[in-house]
């Protein structure tokens, strides 16, 4: 079954990246490494079970967890209201990272702040496709790297493209291998990188496969493109690369 295979692949990714996150901290490349596939495994598994076998052949690929989204709930591009109201994932236990930055607590599915990128992504998917069944029959969402990384007293979010070295190279290779697994398990025909970095990783990982790879602008509120024309231009940008509704 597709979902069973996706869960096994996610378990492998979870376990293989954990010691590498520890090494990043030990080498001083980051101060903290969170692995939401460990402490938020239950909602992550529920997300795979909800959407992994609905027949989507397009993958939206993110970079890594955000502190108000997957970093809280274990679900790519998640936001509190989206997970509760659209995905219907509730009441699942979220544990704690083994080392917690004082400015980056984890409260799980009841996190008080919405992840703007997540609300934008899911809002446009719901607007374009309708129901959650229709969304997942067309697209599924995966983050390339599951680790959330922080530096400094303020807990600055460090994306994987901002660090380098042998450990980072090994981490990204494992993440590439997981992406290949997801693509092959689901029979994915098209990958849309959410931002240029994700597109770059997809091009590198999937170069041997007959896969269409493109990108859309990242919906982060820090991006001028995402905010242009009150977000209308970003919506048009992503809709231009989304597959038409199959239902």
C-alpha atoms as a PDB file:
ATOM      1  CA  UNK A   1       0.000   0.000   0.000  1.00  0.00           C
ATOM      2  CA  UNK A   2       1.258   3.475  -0.883  1.00  0.00           C
ATOM      3  CA  UNK A   3       0.736   4.970   2.571  1.00  0.00           C
ATOM      4  CA  UNK A   4       2.545   2.097   4.279  1.00  0.00           C
ATOM      5  CA  UNK A   5       5.548   2.573   2.006  1.00  0.00           C
ATOM      6  CA  UNK A   6       5.531   6.349   2.571  1.00  0.00           C
ATOM      7  CA  UNK A   7       5.437   5.834   6.327  1.00  0.00           C
ATOM      8  CA  UNK A   8       8.377   3.413   6.191  1.00  0.00           C
ATOM      9  CA  UNK A   9      10.320   5.924   4.062  1.00  0.00           C
ATOM     10  CA  UNK A  10       9.537   8.731   6.535  1.00  0.00           C
ATOM     11  CA  UNK A  11      10.633   6.542   9.460  1.00  0.00           C
ATOM     12  CA  UNK A  12      13.932   5.888   7.720  1.00  0.00           C
ATOM     13  CA  UNK A  13      14.436   9.589   7.002  1.00  0.00           C
ATOM     14  CA  UNK A  14      13.547  10.429  10.620  1.00  0.00           C
ATOM     15  CA  UNK A  15      16.108   8.028  12.031  1.00  0.00           C
ATOM     16  CA  UNK A  16      18.911   8.783   9.572  1.00  0.00           C
ATOM     17  CA  UNK A  17      18.877  12.573   9.906  1.00  0.00           C
ATOM     18  CA  UNK A  18      18.712  12.642  13.707  1.00  0.00           C
ATOM     19  CA  UNK A  19      22.438  11.957  14.372  1.00  0.00           C
ATOM     20  CA  UNK A  20      23.375  14.402  11.612  1.00  0.00           C
ATOM     21  CA  UNK A  21      21.400  17.139  13.339  1.00  0.00           C
ATOM     22  CA  UNK A  22      23.370  16.354  16.490  1.00  0.00           C
ATOM     23  CA  UNK A  23      26.615  16.636  14.513  1.00  0.00           C
ATOM     24  CA  UNK A  24      25.619  20.039  13.160  1.00  0.00           C
ATOM     25  CA  UNK A  25      25.267  21.225  16.750  1.00  0.00           C
ATOM     26  CA  UNK A  26      28.493  19.541  17.871  1.00  0.00           C
ATOM     27  CA  UNK A  27      30.422  21.201  15.041  1.00  0.00           C
ATOM     28  CA  UNK A  28      28.979  24.600  15.908  1.00  0.00           C
ATOM     29  CA  UNK A  29      27.187  25.067  12.590  1.00  0.00           C
ATOM     30  CA  UNK A  30      23.899  25.554  14.438  1.00  0.00           C
ATOM     31  CA  UNK A  31      22.973  25.897  18.100  1.00  0.00           C
ATOM     32  CA  UNK A  32      19.864  23.716  18.085  1.00  0.00           C
ATOM     33  CA  UNK A  33      18.469  20.976  15.851  1.00  0.00           C
ATOM     34  CA  UNK A  34      14.808  19.943  16.110  1.00  0.00           C
ATOM     35  CA  UNK A  35      13.514  16.790  14.406  1.00  0.00           C
ATOM     36  CA  UNK A  36       9.706  17.038  14.225  1.00  0.00           C
ATOM     37  CA  UNK A  37       9.539  13.596  12.626  1.00  0.00           C
ATOM     38  CA  UNK A  38      10.419  12.340  16.120  1.00  0.00           C
ATOM     39  CA  UNK A  39       8.463  14.563  18.515  1.00  0.00           C
ATOM     40  CA  UNK A  40       5.545  15.256  16.137  1.00  0.00           C
ATOM     41  CA  UNK A  41       5.508  11.822  14.529  1.00  0.00           C
ATOM     42  CA  UNK A  42       1.841  11.086  15.215  1.00  0.00           C
ATOM     43  CA  UNK A  43       0.434  14.068  13.224  1.00  0.00           C
ATOM     44  CA  UNK A  44       3.036  13.514  10.494  1.00  0.00           C
ATOM     45  CA  UNK A  45       1.913   9.907  10.137  1.00  0.00           C
ATOM     46  CA  UNK A  46      -1.727  11.018  10.138  1.00  0.00           C
ATOM     47  CA  UNK A  47      -0.963  13.457   7.319  1.00  0.00           C
ATOM     48  CA  UNK A  48       0.571  10.689   5.203  1.00  0.00           C
ATOM     49  CA  UNK A  49      -2.410   8.424   5.912  1.00  0.00           C
ATOM     50  CA  UNK A  50      -4.803  11.227   4.986  1.00  0.00           C
ATOM     51  CA  UNK A  51      -3.274  12.254   1.673  1.00  0.00           C
ATOM     52  CA  UNK A  52      -0.592   9.858   0.527  1.00  0.00           C
ATOM     53  CA  UNK A  53      -2.761   7.388  -1.372  1.00  0.00           C
ATOM     54  CA  UNK A  54      -5.335   9.625  -3.063  1.00  0.00           C
ATOM     55  CA  UNK A  55      -3.633   9.381  -6.462  1.00  0.00           C
ATOM     56  CA  UNK A  56      -1.744  12.669  -6.736  1.00  0.00           C
ATOM     57  CA  UNK A  57       0.985  12.679  -9.360  1.00  0.00           C
ATOM     58  CA  UNK A  58       2.272  16.184  -8.548  1.00  0.00           C
ATOM     59  CA  UNK A  59       4.463  16.958  -5.548  1.00  0.00           C
ATOM     60  CA  UNK A  60       4.853  20.342  -3.893  1.00  0.00           C
ATOM     61  CA  UNK A  61       8.365  20.378  -2.410  1.00  0.00           C
ATOM     62  CA  UNK A  62       9.285  22.701   0.447  1.00  0.00           C
ATOM     63  CA  UNK A  63      12.717  23.374   1.939  1.00  0.00           C
ATOM     64  CA  UNK A  64      12.487  22.531   5.660  1.00  0.00           C
ATOM     65  CA  UNK A  65      10.137  23.093   8.612  1.00  0.00           C
ATOM     66  CA  UNK A  66       9.052  26.524   9.757  1.00  0.00           C
ATOM     67  CA  UNK A  67       8.923  27.289  13.497  1.00  0.00           C
ATOM     68  CA  UNK A  68       5.169  27.972  13.444  1.00  0.00           C
ATOM     69  CA  UNK A  69       4.244  25.144  11.062  1.00  0.00           C
ATOM     70  CA  UNK A  70       5.889  21.758  10.610  1.00  0.00           C
ATOM     71  CA  UNK A  71       8.183  22.580  13.520  1.00  0.00           C
ATOM     72  CA  UNK A  72       5.109  22.504  15.758  1.00  0.00           C
ATOM     73  CA  UNK A  73       2.866  19.973  14.052  1.00  0.00           C
ATOM     74  CA  UNK A  74       5.066  17.723  11.939  1.00  0.00           C
ATOM     75  CA  UNK A  75       3.086  18.498   8.790  1.00  0.00           C
ATOM     76  CA  UNK A  76       4.663  20.294   5.791  1.00  0.00           C
ATOM     77  CA  UNK A  77       3.425  23.886   5.412  1.00  0.00           C
ATOM     78  CA  UNK A  78       1.067  23.356   8.322  1.00  0.00           C
ATOM     79  CA  UNK A  79      -0.757  26.118  10.146  1.00  0.00           C
ATOM     80  CA  UNK A  80      -2.899  25.685  13.225  1.00  0.00           C
ATOM     81  CA  UNK A  81      -6.279  26.463  11.664  1.00  0.00           C
ATOM     82  CA  UNK A  82      -5.455  24.531   8.487  1.00  0.00           C
ATOM     83  CA  UNK A  83      -4.522  21.367  10.371  1.00  0.00           C
ATOM     84  CA  UNK A  84      -7.613  21.605  12.562  1.00  0.00           C
ATOM     85  CA  UNK A  85     -10.275  22.741  10.096  1.00  0.00           C
ATOM     86  CA  UNK A  86      -9.158  21.597   6.641  1.00  0.00           C
ATOM     87  CA  UNK A  87      -7.093  18.503   7.364  1.00  0.00           C
ATOM     88  CA  UNK A  88      -9.143  17.559  10.406  1.00  0.00           C
ATOM     89  CA  UNK A  89      -6.085  16.359  12.331  1.00  0.00           C
ATOM     90  CA  UNK A  90      -6.763  16.874  16.046  1.00  0.00           C
ATOM     91  CA  UNK A  91      -6.041  15.469  19.474  1.00  0.00           C
ATOM     92  CA  UNK A  92      -2.740  13.796  18.623  1.00  0.00           C
ATOM     93  CA  UNK A  93       0.167  13.909  21.020  1.00  0.00           C
ATOM     94  CA  UNK A  94       3.183  16.046  20.188  1.00  0.00           C
ATOM     95  CA  UNK A  95       6.203  15.463  22.402  1.00  0.00           C
ATOM     96  CA  UNK A  96       9.207  17.756  22.912  1.00  0.00           C
ATOM     97  CA  UNK A  97      12.564  18.167  21.143  1.00  0.00           C
ATOM     98  CA  UNK A  98      15.372  16.759  23.255  1.00  0.00           C
ATOM     99  CA  UNK A  99      17.054  20.179  23.516  1.00  0.00           C
ATOM    100  CA  UNK A 100      14.770  23.218  23.461  1.00  0.00           C
ATOM    101  CA  UNK A 101      15.738  26.785  22.634  1.00  0.00           C
ATOM    102  CA  UNK A 102      14.093  29.067  25.227  1.00  0.00           C
ATOM    103  CA  UNK A 103      12.650  31.243  22.460  1.00  0.00           C
ATOM    104  CA  UNK A 104      11.442  28.254  20.406  1.00  0.00           C
ATOM    105  CA  UNK A 105       8.994  26.245  22.529  1.00  0.00           C
ATOM    106  CA  UNK A 106       6.814  23.520  21.032  1.00  0.00           C
ATOM    107  CA  UNK A 107       3.141  23.177  21.950  1.00  0.00           C
ATOM    108  CA  UNK A 108       1.980  21.071  18.998  1.00  0.00           C
ATOM    109  CA  UNK A 109      -1.410  21.213  17.327  1.00  0.00           C
ATOM    110  CA  UNK A 110      -2.629  24.094  19.517  1.00  0.00           C
ATOM    111  CA  UNK A 111       0.247  26.438  18.650  1.00  0.00           C
ATOM    112  CA  UNK A 112      -0.971  30.022  19.017  1.00  0.00           C
ATOM    113  CA  UNK A 113       0.576  31.596  15.915  1.00  0.00           C
ATOM    114  CA  UNK A 114      -0.416  30.802  12.336  1.00  0.00           C
ATOM    115  CA  UNK A 115       2.328  29.918   9.844  1.00  0.00           C
ATOM    116  CA  UNK A 116       1.721  32.448   7.064  1.00  0.00           C
ATOM    117  CA  UNK A 117       3.369  30.333   4.370  1.00  0.00           C
ATOM    118  CA  UNK A 118       1.170  27.412   5.365  1.00  0.00           C
ATOM    119  CA  UNK A 119      -2.076  29.369   5.377  1.00  0.00           C
ATOM    120  CA  UNK A 120      -1.249  30.803   1.944  1.00  0.00           C
ATOM    121  CA  UNK A 121      -0.393  27.414   0.410  1.00  0.00           C
ATOM    122  CA  UNK A 122      -3.461  25.598   1.718  1.00  0.00           C
ATOM    123  CA  UNK A 123      -5.781  28.529   1.023  1.00  0.00           C
ATOM    124  CA  UNK A 124      -4.845  28.546  -2.645  1.00  0.00           C
ATOM    125  CA  UNK A 125      -5.108  24.749  -2.857  1.00  0.00           C
ATOM    126  CA  UNK A 126      -8.585  24.840  -1.333  1.00  0.00           C
ATOM    127  CA  UNK A 127      -9.589  27.722  -3.614  1.00  0.00           C
ATOM    128  CA  UNK A 128      -8.269  25.905  -6.695  1.00  0.00           C
ATOM    129  CA  UNK A 129      -9.417  22.349  -5.968  1.00  0.00           C
ATOM    130  CA  UNK A 130     -12.131  22.511  -3.319  1.00  0.00           C
ATOM    131  CA  UNK A 131     -12.293  19.656  -0.829  1.00  0.00           C
ATOM    132  CA  UNK A 132      -9.359  17.956   0.849  1.00  0.00           C
ATOM    133  CA  UNK A 133     -10.116  14.825  -1.227  1.00  0.00           C
ATOM    134  CA  UNK A 134      -9.770  16.830  -4.422  1.00  0.00           C
ATOM    135  CA  UNK A 135      -6.593  18.509  -3.192  1.00  0.00           C
ATOM    136  CA  UNK A 136      -4.891  15.200  -2.425  1.00  0.00           C
ATOM    137  CA  UNK A 137      -6.059  13.600  -5.650  1.00  0.00           C
ATOM    138  CA  UNK A 138      -3.969  16.244  -7.429  1.00  0.00           C
ATOM    139  CA  UNK A 139      -1.061  17.231  -5.175  1.00  0.00           C
ATOM    140  CA  UNK A 140       0.840  16.037  -2.123  1.00  0.00           C
ATOM    141  CA  UNK A 141       3.284  18.070  -0.046  1.00  0.00           C
ATOM    142  CA  UNK A 142       6.716  17.084   1.257  1.00  0.00           C
ATOM    143  CA  UNK A 143       9.578  19.064   2.777  1.00  0.00           C
ATOM    144  CA  UNK A 144      13.018  18.191   1.436  1.00  0.00           C
ATOM    145  CA  UNK A 145      14.749  18.331   4.831  1.00  0.00           C
ATOM    146  CA  UNK A 146      12.819  17.522   8.030  1.00  0.00           C
ATOM    147  CA  UNK A 147      15.199  19.263  10.449  1.00  0.00           C
ATOM    148  CA  UNK A 148      14.510  22.679  11.928  1.00  0.00           C
ATOM    149  CA  UNK A 149      17.695  24.530  12.842  1.00  0.00           C
ATOM    150  CA  UNK A 150      18.240  27.551  15.098  1.00  0.00           C
ATOM    151  CA  UNK A 151      21.080  29.904  15.989  1.00  0.00           C
ATOM    152  CA  UNK A 152      21.640  32.604  18.553  1.00  0.00           C
ATOM    153  CA  UNK A 153      19.738  34.007  21.508  1.00  0.00           C
ATOM    154  CA  UNK A 154      16.712  34.873  19.374  1.00  0.00           C
ATOM    155  CA  UNK A 155      16.515  31.405  17.844  1.00  0.00           C
ATOM    156  CA  UNK A 156      17.055  32.536  14.269  1.00  0.00           C
ATOM    157  CA  UNK A 157      15.716  29.951  11.822  1.00  0.00           C
ATOM    158  CA  UNK A 158      18.618  28.591   9.754  1.00  0.00           C
ATOM    159  CA  UNK A 159      17.671  27.096   6.404  1.00  0.00           C
ATOM    160  CA  UNK A 160      19.872  24.308   4.968  1.00  0.00           C
ATOM    161  CA  UNK A 161      21.173  26.539   2.160  1.00  0.00           C
ATOM    162  CA  UNK A 162      22.882  28.766   4.745  1.00  0.00           C
ATOM    163  CA  UNK A 163      25.266  26.125   6.120  1.00  0.00           C
ATOM    164  CA  UNK A 164      27.844  23.903   4.452  1.00  0.00           C
ATOM    165  CA  UNK A 165      30.353  21.139   5.077  1.00  0.00           C
ATOM    166  CA  UNK A 166      30.599  17.349   5.006  1.00  0.00           C
ATOM    167  CA  UNK A 167      27.771  16.775   7.484  1.00  0.00           C
ATOM    168  CA  UNK A 168      25.472  19.068   5.527  1.00  0.00           C
ATOM    169  CA  UNK A 169      26.376  17.262   2.310  1.00  0.00           C
ATOM    170  CA  UNK A 170      25.526  13.910   3.893  1.00  0.00           C
ATOM    171  CA  UNK A 171      22.266  15.301   5.302  1.00  0.00           C
ATOM    172  CA  UNK A 172      21.159  16.645   1.934  1.00  0.00           C
ATOM    173  CA  UNK A 173      22.057  13.369   0.208  1.00  0.00           C
ATOM    174  CA  UNK A 174      19.818  11.450   2.609  1.00  0.00           C
ATOM    175  CA  UNK A 175      17.047  13.972   1.969  1.00  0.00           C
ATOM    176  CA  UNK A 176      17.550  13.590  -1.797  1.00  0.00           C
ATOM    177  CA  UNK A 177      17.227   9.819  -1.428  1.00  0.00           C
ATOM    178  CA  UNK A 178      13.985  10.230   0.495  1.00  0.00           C
ATOM    179  CA  UNK A 179      12.626  12.513  -2.237  1.00  0.00           C
ATOM    180  CA  UNK A 180      13.443   9.856  -4.838  1.00  0.00           C
ATOM    181  CA  UNK A 181      11.634   7.253  -2.724  1.00  0.00           C
ATOM    182  CA  UNK A 182       8.501   9.411  -2.420  1.00  0.00           C
ATOM    183  CA  UNK A 183       8.477  10.102  -6.161  1.00  0.00           C
ATOM    184  CA  UNK A 184       8.826   6.415  -7.004  1.00  0.00           C
ATOM    185  CA  UNK A 185       6.312   5.207  -4.397  1.00  0.00           C
ATOM    186  CA  UNK A 186       3.643   7.672  -5.519  1.00  0.00           C
ATOM    187  CA  UNK A 187       4.379   7.572  -9.243  1.00  0.00           C
ATOM    188  CA  UNK A 188       4.975  11.323  -9.269  1.00  0.00           C
ATOM    189  CA  UNK A 189       5.198  12.928 -12.705  1.00  0.00           C
ATOM    190  CA  UNK A 190       5.762  16.567 -11.717  1.00  0.00           C
ATOM    191  CA  UNK A 191       7.599  18.265  -8.857  1.00  0.00           C
ATOM    192  CA  UNK A 192       6.979  21.926  -8.029  1.00  0.00           C
ATOM    193  CA  UNK A 193       9.702  23.430  -5.885  1.00  0.00           C
ATOM    194  CA  UNK A 194       8.250  26.000  -3.499  1.00  0.00           C
ATOM    195  CA  UNK A 195      11.062  28.471  -4.069  1.00  0.00           C
ATOM    196  CA  UNK A 196      14.215  28.124  -6.118  1.00  0.00           C
ATOM    197  CA  UNK A 197      16.182  26.176  -3.517  1.00  0.00           C
ATOM    198  CA  UNK A 198      13.636  23.350  -3.485  1.00  0.00           C
ATOM    199  CA  UNK A 199      13.618  23.311  -7.280  1.00  0.00           C
ATOM    200  CA  UNK A 200      17.419  23.074  -7.258  1.00  0.00           C
ATOM    201  CA  UNK A 201      17.355  20.078  -4.903  1.00  0.00           C
ATOM    202  CA  UNK A 202      14.719  18.358  -7.039  1.00  0.00           C
ATOM    203  CA  UNK A 203      16.740  18.910 -10.214  1.00  0.00           C
ATOM    204  CA  UNK A 204      19.794  17.382  -8.549  1.00  0.00           C
ATOM    205  CA  UNK A 205      18.040  14.431  -6.934  1.00  0.00           C
ATOM    206  CA  UNK A 206      15.733  13.490  -9.802  1.00  0.00           C
ATOM    207  CA  UNK A 207      17.957  14.134 -12.804  1.00  0.00           C
ATOM    208  CA  UNK A 208      17.939  10.436 -13.743  1.00  0.00           C
ATOM    209  CA  UNK A 209      14.132  10.225 -13.764  1.00  0.00           C
ATOM    210  CA  UNK A 210      11.637  11.346 -16.362  1.00  0.00           C
ATOM    211  CA  UNK A 211      10.063  13.977 -14.105  1.00  0.00           C
ATOM    212  CA  UNK A 212       8.867  17.479 -14.939  1.00  0.00           C
ATOM    213  CA  UNK A 213      10.457  19.900 -12.471  1.00  0.00           C
ATOM    214  CA  UNK A 214       9.471  23.511 -12.063  1.00  0.00           C
ATOM    215  CA  UNK A 215       8.967  26.015  -9.260  1.00  0.00           C
ATOM    216  CA  UNK A 216       6.665  28.652  -7.854  1.00  0.00           C
ATOM    217  CA  UNK A 217       7.448  31.662  -5.732  1.00  0.00           C
ATOM    218  CA  UNK A 218       7.801  30.948  -2.021  1.00  0.00           C
ATOM    219  CA  UNK A 219       4.786  32.259  -0.061  1.00  0.00           C
ATOM    220  CA  UNK A 220       6.864  33.564   2.849  1.00  0.00           C
ATOM    221  CA  UNK A 221       5.790  37.019   4.079  1.00  0.00           C
ATOM    222  CA  UNK A 222       9.487  37.912   3.916  1.00  0.00           C
ATOM    223  CA  UNK A 223       9.358  37.579   0.118  1.00  0.00           C
ATOM    224  CA  UNK A 224       8.464  40.728  -1.865  1.00  0.00           C
ATOM    225  CA  UNK A 225       7.119  38.507  -4.658  1.00  0.00           C
ATOM    226  CA  UNK A 226       4.721  36.770  -2.279  1.00  0.00           C
ATOM    227  CA  UNK A 227       3.373  40.100  -1.051  1.00  0.00           C
ATOM    228  CA  UNK A 228       3.149  41.845  -4.413  1.00  0.00           C
ATOM    229  CA  UNK A 229      -0.314  43.118  -5.341  1.00  0.00           C
ATOM    230  CA  UNK A 230      -1.581  41.951  -1.920  1.00  0.00           C
ATOM    231  CA  UNK A 231      -0.652  38.359  -2.706  1.00  0.00           C
ATOM    232  CA  UNK A 232      -2.677  38.130  -5.907  1.00  0.00           C
ATOM    233  CA  UNK A 233       0.429  37.793  -8.082  1.00  0.00           C
ATOM    234  CA  UNK A 234       1.715  34.919  -5.936  1.00  0.00           C
ATOM    235  CA  UNK A 235      -1.617  33.114  -6.266  1.00  0.00           C
ATOM    236  CA  UNK A 236      -1.499  33.433 -10.037  1.00  0.00           C
ATOM    237  CA  UNK A 237       2.112  32.279 -10.063  1.00  0.00           C
ATOM    238  CA  UNK A 238       1.405  29.019  -8.234  1.00  0.00           C
ATOM    239  CA  UNK A 239      -1.881  28.377 -10.056  1.00  0.00           C
ATOM    240  CA  UNK A 240       0.031  28.548 -13.340  1.00  0.00           C
ATOM    241  CA  UNK A 241       2.052  25.455 -12.369  1.00  0.00           C
ATOM    242  CA  UNK A 242      -0.560  23.454 -10.442  1.00  0.00           C
ATOM    243  CA  UNK A 243      -2.179  20.554 -12.307  1.00  0.00           C
ATOM    244  CA  UNK A 244      -5.776  21.006 -13.369  1.00  0.00           C
ATOM    245  CA  UNK A 245      -8.345  19.314 -11.170  1.00  0.00           C
ATOM    246  CA  UNK A 246      -8.695  15.663 -12.218  1.00  0.00           C
ATOM    247  CA  UNK A 247     -12.077  15.209 -10.571  1.00  0.00           C
END
